[in-house]
Amino acid sequence: MSDHSRHRQRSRRTAALLGAVLAIALIAAGCGTTEKAAESAPEKGAPAGPVTVTDSRGKEIKLDKPATRVVALEWGEAESLVSLGAGLVGVADKKGFATWDKAVTLPTDVKDVGIRGEPSIDSIVALQPDLVVANGADGATPMVTQIEKYVPVLLTNGADSSDDWKRLQTDVQMMATATGTEAKGNELLQQMDTALAEGKTAIAEAGNGGRPFLMADGWKEGSTVAIRMFAEGSEVSVIGERLGLVNAWKEKGDKAWGLGQTDVEGLSGYKDPEIHFFYSASEDDVFADGLDTSKIWTGLPFVQEGNLTHFTPGTWTFGGPASVMRIAEQMTAALTA
């Protein structure tokens, strides 16, 4: 039995305590709120006058006052705005958000403004927002130019595989400044740091510091299962690394999201039974119902060892601090059980 295997039964109390700490942090971050999406009021002590925020384009977004009615066009940004207590009044693909991102609950009367990537400008304008927040990972689009004819648009960085940790913090601070919730933003980032530090300690005490891991999601293309790997620089990889783990996938991902694509044959070289394989499947689980008949998959040593964790459905792998803490909690629980 390896050192990792001998230590797996340690620290059950530590894991339980950490789970409680993370749950409290998630609640404090604004998770589970069902309050109505009334206009938010800036925090006590926040500037009541003009606000200027420089977005990912280097463009100065000037507002007469902190935004209290905000529309988010991507789920990660919507999640962060809810955690900040900002006045979210509209989101793209509200139903999809409820399926894929359960780190927070949208206020009850947030309106759907259409699909992500192609929202309804009429629906956005009808909500009379002070600000629209869009994901800038793919740069400004013609859609952004169209919306800016009616409402200021704050373009976040969205994703940056060269330093996604810094990117996430910058995006949260950007949205907090624009909505007059800077104190809450600082608190939220501190909660996230604390949760990851707690997780790293628990994993190390369980003898799993430095443990290799893989992270993926997947879907079917005809009869073939396509697998999307989370390479170094992806948000989940950064979370794992900050928990003291090592991403075993060494091929490069794309520049923004840190994602790469393979198939089951591409996993055949991963023979280390100590690898822990994490995966996301909020709808169809192709790893349990698709790869289960693949001799390559079932023959992988880490599969035979049962070193697999299916993230709870609704765990968004491109989210804000609440999602980061949700992922960290699940990774920590898997490696301290």
Protein backbone atom coordinates (compact mmCIF):
# COMPACT_ATOMS: atom_id res chain seq x y z
CA MET A 1 0.00 0.00 0.00
CA SER A 2 1.37 3.45 -0.93
CA ASP A 3 1.93 6.30 1.53
CA HIS A 4 -1.11 8.08 0.08
CA SER A 5 -3.26 4.99 0.56
CA ARG A 6 -2.10 4.50 4.17
CA HIS A 7 -3.07 8.04 5.03
CA ARG A 8 -6.53 8.09 3.44
CA GLN A 9 -8.31 7.15 6.63
CA ARG A 10 -6.76 10.05 8.59
CA SER A 11 -8.27 13.40 9.41
CA ARG A 12 -12.00 12.64 9.20
CA ARG A 13 -12.53 15.15 11.99
CA THR A 14 -10.43 17.72 10.12
CA ALA A 15 -12.47 17.21 6.96
CA ALA A 16 -15.74 17.57 8.84
CA LEU A 17 -14.54 20.77 10.51
CA LEU A 18 -13.36 22.15 7.19
CA GLY A 19 -16.71 21.36 5.59
CA ALA A 20 -18.43 23.37 8.28
CA VAL A 21 -16.03 26.30 7.84
CA LEU A 22 -16.56 26.29 4.07
CA ALA A 23 -20.33 26.06 4.44
CA ILE A 24 -20.30 29.10 6.71
CA ALA A 25 -18.12 30.96 4.22
CA LEU A 26 -20.48 30.14 1.38
CA ILE A 27 -23.46 31.37 3.37
CA ALA A 28 -21.63 34.56 4.27
CA ALA A 29 -20.74 35.02 0.61
CA GLY A 30 -24.42 35.28 -0.24
CA CYS A 31 -25.19 31.70 -1.24
CA GLY A 32 -28.75 30.49 -1.08
CA THR A 33 -30.33 33.94 -1.00
CA THR A 34 -33.86 34.16 -2.30
CA GLU A 35 -34.35 37.86 -1.77
CA LYS A 36 -36.11 39.82 -4.47
CA ALA A 37 -33.99 41.71 -6.95
CA ALA A 38 -34.89 45.16 -5.68
CA GLU A 39 -32.47 47.93 -6.44
CA SER A 40 -29.48 47.48 -4.17
CA ALA A 41 -28.15 50.27 -2.03
CA PRO A 42 -24.39 50.91 -2.00
CA GLU A 43 -22.67 49.87 1.22
CA LYS A 44 -22.47 52.27 4.11
CA GLY A 45 -19.39 54.37 3.50
CA ALA A 46 -19.33 53.62 -0.23
CA PRO A 47 -19.07 56.62 -2.56
CA ALA A 48 -22.50 58.00 -3.45
CA GLY A 49 -21.20 60.14 -6.26
CA PRO A 50 -19.52 59.35 -9.59
CA VAL A 51 -17.68 56.04 -10.02
CA THR A 52 -15.04 55.24 -12.63
CA VAL A 53 -13.90 51.67 -13.33
CA THR A 54 -11.34 50.61 -15.92
CA ASP A 55 -12.47 47.35 -17.53
CA SER A 56 -10.55 44.58 -19.31
CA ARG A 57 -10.35 46.64 -22.51
CA GLY A 58 -8.64 49.45 -20.64
CA LYS A 59 -11.82 51.45 -21.14
CA GLU A 60 -12.99 53.77 -18.39
CA ILE A 61 -16.61 53.07 -17.46
CA LYS A 62 -17.99 56.23 -15.86
CA LEU A 63 -21.17 56.08 -13.79
CA ASP A 64 -22.94 58.96 -12.07
CA LYS A 65 -23.24 56.74 -8.97
CA PRO A 66 -22.64 53.07 -8.07
CA ALA A 67 -24.83 50.81 -10.19
CA THR A 68 -27.90 49.47 -8.38
CA ARG A 69 -29.57 47.75 -11.34
CA VAL A 70 -27.21 45.37 -13.13
CA VAL A 71 -27.62 42.81 -15.93
CA ALA A 72 -25.06 39.98 -16.23
CA LEU A 73 -24.52 38.20 -19.53
CA GLU A 74 -22.44 35.32 -18.15
CA TRP A 75 -23.03 32.99 -15.21
CA GLY A 76 -19.72 33.56 -13.42
CA GLU A 77 -20.33 37.29 -13.36
CA ALA A 78 -23.95 36.82 -12.26
CA GLU A 79 -22.80 34.59 -9.42
CA SER A 80 -20.24 37.13 -8.22
CA LEU A 81 -22.78 39.95 -8.33
CA VAL A 82 -25.19 37.92 -6.17
CA SER A 83 -22.38 37.15 -3.71
CA LEU A 84 -21.56 40.86 -3.55
CA GLY A 85 -25.16 41.74 -2.79
CA ALA A 86 -25.32 43.91 -5.89
CA GLY A 87 -28.66 44.72 -7.54
CA LEU A 88 -28.84 41.99 -10.17
CA VAL A 89 -32.02 42.46 -12.23
CA GLY A 90 -31.28 40.39 -15.35
CA VAL A 91 -29.18 37.41 -16.45
CA ALA A 92 -28.66 35.54 -19.70
CA ASP A 93 -30.11 32.00 -19.69
CA LYS A 94 -31.64 32.02 -16.21
CA LYS A 95 -32.76 28.38 -16.50
CA GLY A 96 -29.28 27.25 -17.47
CA PHE A 97 -27.82 29.13 -14.52
CA ALA A 98 -30.12 27.25 -12.15
CA THR A 99 -28.84 23.94 -13.59
CA TRP A 100 -25.14 24.66 -13.90
CA ASP A 101 -24.34 27.10 -11.08
CA LYS A 102 -25.87 26.25 -7.72
CA ALA A 103 -23.22 28.06 -5.67
CA VAL A 104 -25.75 30.87 -5.25
CA THR A 105 -29.48 31.22 -5.83
CA LEU A 106 -30.66 34.06 -8.05
CA PRO A 107 -33.03 36.59 -6.47
CA THR A 108 -36.60 35.61 -7.26
CA ASP A 109 -37.47 38.31 -9.76
CA VAL A 110 -34.28 38.42 -11.81
CA LYS A 111 -35.38 38.42 -15.46
CA ASP A 112 -34.08 36.26 -18.29
CA VAL A 113 -32.58 38.37 -21.11
CA GLY A 114 -31.99 35.61 -23.64
CA ILE A 115 -29.19 33.19 -24.39
CA ARG A 116 -25.56 33.67 -23.46
CA GLY A 117 -23.57 35.05 -26.36
CA GLU A 118 -26.70 36.38 -28.06
CA PRO A 119 -28.97 38.05 -25.50
CA SER A 120 -31.99 40.18 -26.36
CA ILE A 121 -30.98 43.83 -26.37
CA ASP A 122 -34.65 44.82 -26.13
CA SER A 123 -35.03 42.70 -22.97
CA ILE A 124 -31.90 44.25 -21.47
CA VAL A 125 -32.96 47.84 -22.18
CA ALA A 126 -36.48 47.18 -20.86
CA LEU A 127 -35.02 46.49 -17.41
CA GLN A 128 -33.56 50.01 -17.32
CA PRO A 129 -30.21 48.85 -15.92
CA ASP A 130 -27.43 51.19 -14.79
CA LEU A 131 -24.84 48.71 -15.98
CA VAL A 132 -24.39 45.54 -18.04
CA VAL A 133 -21.56 43.18 -17.06
CA ALA A 134 -20.19 40.95 -19.82
CA ASN A 135 -17.40 38.38 -19.93
CA GLY A 136 -14.41 39.72 -21.83
CA ALA A 137 -12.46 36.48 -22.24
CA ASP A 138 -13.09 36.54 -25.99
CA GLY A 139 -12.77 40.31 -26.30
CA ALA A 140 -15.40 42.91 -27.10
CA THR A 141 -18.00 41.70 -29.59
CA PRO A 142 -20.43 43.51 -31.92
CA MET A 143 -23.10 42.64 -29.33
CA VAL A 144 -21.26 44.73 -26.71
CA THR A 145 -21.07 47.65 -29.13
CA GLN A 146 -24.80 47.42 -29.71
CA ILE A 147 -25.64 47.32 -25.99
CA GLU A 148 -23.37 50.29 -25.30
CA LYS A 149 -25.64 52.47 -27.40
CA TYR A 150 -28.13 52.24 -24.52
CA VAL A 151 -26.32 51.12 -21.34
CA PRO A 152 -22.69 51.23 -20.11
CA VAL A 153 -21.01 47.81 -20.41
CA LEU A 154 -18.32 46.63 -18.01
CA LEU A 155 -16.22 43.95 -19.67
CA THR A 156 -14.53 41.62 -17.17
CA ASN A 157 -11.35 39.71 -17.96
CA GLY A 158 -13.44 36.53 -17.73
CA ALA A 159 -10.58 34.02 -17.99
CA ASP A 160 -6.79 34.15 -18.27
CA SER A 161 -4.79 30.92 -18.15
CA SER A 162 -1.56 32.87 -17.58
CA ASP A 163 -2.75 33.94 -14.10
CA ASP A 164 -6.38 33.05 -13.48
CA TRP A 165 -6.13 33.64 -9.74
CA LYS A 166 -5.18 37.28 -10.21
CA ARG A 167 -7.79 37.56 -12.97
CA LEU A 168 -10.56 36.36 -10.67
CA GLN A 169 -9.61 38.80 -7.93
CA THR A 170 -9.41 41.67 -10.40
CA ASP A 171 -12.86 40.85 -11.82
CA VAL A 172 -14.47 40.72 -8.37
CA GLN A 173 -12.87 44.01 -7.35
CA MET A 174 -13.96 45.59 -10.64
CA MET A 175 -17.60 44.58 -10.15
CA ALA A 176 -17.49 45.58 -6.47
CA THR A 177 -16.24 49.06 -7.30
CA ALA A 178 -18.90 49.54 -9.97
CA THR A 179 -21.70 48.51 -7.59
CA GLY A 180 -20.49 50.21 -4.41
CA THR A 181 -19.81 46.90 -2.65
CA GLU A 182 -16.05 47.12 -2.21
CA ALA A 183 -16.05 46.11 1.45
CA LYS A 184 -18.09 43.01 0.63
CA GLY A 185 -15.75 42.26 -2.26
CA ASN A 186 -12.71 42.34 0.02
CA GLU A 187 -14.53 40.14 2.55
CA LEU A 188 -15.51 37.66 -0.16
CA LEU A 189 -11.94 37.35 -1.44
CA GLN A 190 -10.65 36.87 2.10
CA GLN A 191 -13.19 34.10 2.71
CA MET A 192 -12.02 32.39 -0.47
CA ASP A 193 -8.35 32.62 0.56
CA THR A 194 -9.15 31.23 4.01
CA ALA A 195 -11.17 28.33 2.61
CA LEU A 196 -8.33 27.30 0.31
CA ALA A 197 -5.72 27.60 3.07
CA GLU A 198 -7.90 25.45 5.36
CA GLY A 199 -8.30 22.90 2.57
CA LYS A 200 -4.58 22.74 1.87
CA THR A 201 -3.83 22.10 5.53
CA ALA A 202 -6.44 19.35 5.77
CA ILE A 203 -5.19 17.61 2.61
CA ALA A 204 -1.59 17.77 3.84
CA GLU A 205 -2.58 16.35 7.23
CA ALA A 206 -4.31 13.48 5.40
CA GLY A 207 -1.02 12.67 3.67
CA ASN A 208 -2.19 13.82 0.26
CA GLY A 209 -0.13 16.97 -0.24
CA GLY A 210 1.36 16.86 -3.73
CA ARG A 211 -1.16 14.27 -4.91
CA PRO A 212 -1.60 14.21 -8.72
CA PHE A 213 -5.06 14.93 -10.12
CA LEU A 214 -6.89 15.25 -13.41
CA MET A 215 -10.00 17.32 -14.07
CA ALA A 216 -12.38 16.94 -17.01
CA ASP A 217 -15.87 17.23 -18.35
CA GLY A 218 -17.26 15.52 -21.43
CA TRP A 219 -20.07 14.91 -23.88
CA LYS A 220 -21.04 12.46 -26.61
CA GLU A 221 -20.32 13.10 -30.27
CA GLY A 222 -22.28 10.32 -31.93
CA SER A 223 -21.03 7.15 -30.29
CA THR A 224 -17.75 8.75 -29.21
CA VAL A 225 -17.16 10.43 -25.87
CA ALA A 226 -15.29 13.73 -26.21
CA ILE A 227 -13.35 14.70 -23.10
CA ARG A 228 -12.39 18.26 -22.24
CA MET A 229 -9.36 18.45 -19.98
CA PHE A 230 -8.65 21.28 -17.56
CA ALA A 231 -4.98 22.06 -18.11
CA GLU A 232 -2.67 24.13 -15.95
CA GLY A 233 -3.99 27.68 -15.84
CA SER A 234 -7.66 26.70 -15.89
CA GLU A 235 -9.71 27.83 -12.91
CA VAL A 236 -10.12 24.32 -11.45
CA SER A 237 -6.43 23.59 -11.93
CA VAL A 238 -5.53 26.74 -10.03
CA ILE A 239 -7.88 25.70 -7.21
CA GLY A 240 -6.26 22.26 -7.04
CA GLU A 241 -2.78 23.72 -7.04
CA ARG A 242 -3.67 26.14 -4.25
CA LEU A 243 -4.89 23.12 -2.28
CA GLY A 244 -1.40 21.64 -2.64
CA LEU A 245 -2.20 19.20 -5.46
CA VAL A 246 -0.41 18.73 -8.79
CA ASN A 247 -2.21 18.75 -12.15
CA ALA A 248 -1.04 15.60 -13.95
CA TRP A 249 -2.28 16.85 -17.35
CA LYS A 250 0.73 18.49 -18.96
CA GLU A 251 -0.58 19.38 -22.41
CA LYS A 252 -1.34 23.05 -22.86
CA GLY A 253 -4.88 24.35 -22.87
CA ASP A 254 -6.23 27.34 -24.73
CA LYS A 255 -4.94 30.81 -23.88
CA ALA A 256 -8.05 32.08 -22.09
CA TRP A 257 -9.72 29.15 -20.34
CA GLY A 258 -6.84 26.67 -20.10
CA LEU A 259 -8.93 23.91 -21.71
CA GLY A 260 -7.89 21.13 -24.05
CA GLN A 261 -9.68 18.26 -25.76
CA THR A 262 -8.94 14.55 -25.94
CA ASP A 263 -10.71 11.19 -25.99
CA VAL A 264 -10.43 8.09 -23.85
CA GLU A 265 -7.38 6.91 -25.79
CA GLY A 266 -5.71 10.17 -24.76
CA LEU A 267 -5.99 9.10 -21.12
CA SER A 268 -4.42 5.69 -21.70
CA GLY A 269 -0.94 6.87 -20.75
CA TYR A 270 -1.98 7.92 -17.24
CA LYS A 271 -0.94 4.80 -15.35
CA ASP A 272 -0.38 6.24 -11.87
CA PRO A 273 -3.04 4.70 -9.59
CA GLU A 274 -2.61 7.64 -7.19
CA ILE A 275 -4.10 10.10 -9.71
CA HIS A 276 -7.45 11.38 -8.49
CA PHE A 277 -9.82 12.09 -11.36
CA PHE A 278 -12.36 14.85 -10.79
CA TYR A 279 -15.07 15.54 -13.32
CA SER A 280 -18.08 17.77 -13.88
CA ALA A 281 -21.41 16.58 -15.28
CA SER A 282 -24.46 18.62 -14.38
CA GLU A 283 -26.59 16.92 -17.04
CA ASP A 284 -25.48 13.78 -18.93
CA ASP A 285 -22.75 11.88 -17.06
CA VAL A 286 -20.72 10.37 -19.90
CA PHE A 287 -18.09 9.05 -17.50
CA ALA A 288 -20.62 6.79 -15.75
CA ASP A 289 -22.85 6.16 -18.77
CA GLY A 290 -20.70 6.08 -21.87
CA LEU A 291 -17.16 5.29 -20.82
CA ASP A 292 -18.37 2.48 -18.54
CA THR A 293 -18.24 0.11 -21.52
CA SER A 294 -14.75 1.24 -22.61
CA LYS A 295 -12.01 -1.26 -21.75
CA ILE A 296 -9.48 1.55 -21.91
CA TRP A 297 -11.38 3.59 -19.32
CA THR A 298 -12.21 0.70 -17.00
CA GLY A 299 -8.63 -0.50 -17.26
CA LEU A 300 -7.08 2.77 -16.09
CA PRO A 301 -5.40 2.19 -12.70
CA PHE A 302 -7.01 5.22 -11.05
CA VAL A 303 -10.43 4.06 -12.24
CA GLN A 304 -9.85 0.57 -10.88
CA GLU A 305 -8.74 2.10 -7.57
CA GLY A 306 -11.96 4.11 -7.44
CA ASN A 307 -10.11 7.43 -7.36
CA LEU A 308 -12.97 9.26 -9.05
CA THR A 309 -15.04 12.21 -7.85
CA HIS A 310 -18.09 13.49 -9.70
CA PHE A 311 -18.58 17.10 -8.64
CA THR A 312 -22.07 17.70 -7.31
CA PRO A 313 -24.34 18.72 -10.24
CA GLY A 314 -24.54 22.48 -10.33
CA THR A 315 -20.84 22.96 -9.61
CA TRP A 316 -19.82 25.65 -12.11
CA THR A 317 -16.17 25.30 -13.07
CA PHE A 318 -15.89 28.84 -14.44
CA GLY A 319 -17.48 30.71 -11.56
CA GLY A 320 -16.74 33.33 -8.93
CA PRO A 321 -15.55 32.94 -5.32
CA ALA A 322 -18.64 30.99 -4.24
CA SER A 323 -17.96 28.37 -6.94
CA VAL A 324 -14.27 28.31 -6.04
CA MET A 325 -15.17 27.49 -2.43
CA ARG A 326 -17.69 24.87 -3.56
CA ILE A 327 -15.04 23.15 -5.70
CA ALA A 328 -12.39 23.40 -2.98
CA GLU A 329 -14.78 21.82 -0.47
CA GLN A 330 -15.41 18.84 -2.75
CA MET A 331 -11.74 18.33 -3.65
CA THR A 332 -10.79 18.50 0.02
CA ALA A 333 -13.51 16.08 1.05
CA ALA A 334 -12.37 13.56 -1.58
CA LEU A 335 -8.77 13.66 -0.39
CA THR A 336 -9.41 13.58 3.35
CA ALA A 337 -12.05 10.84 3.47
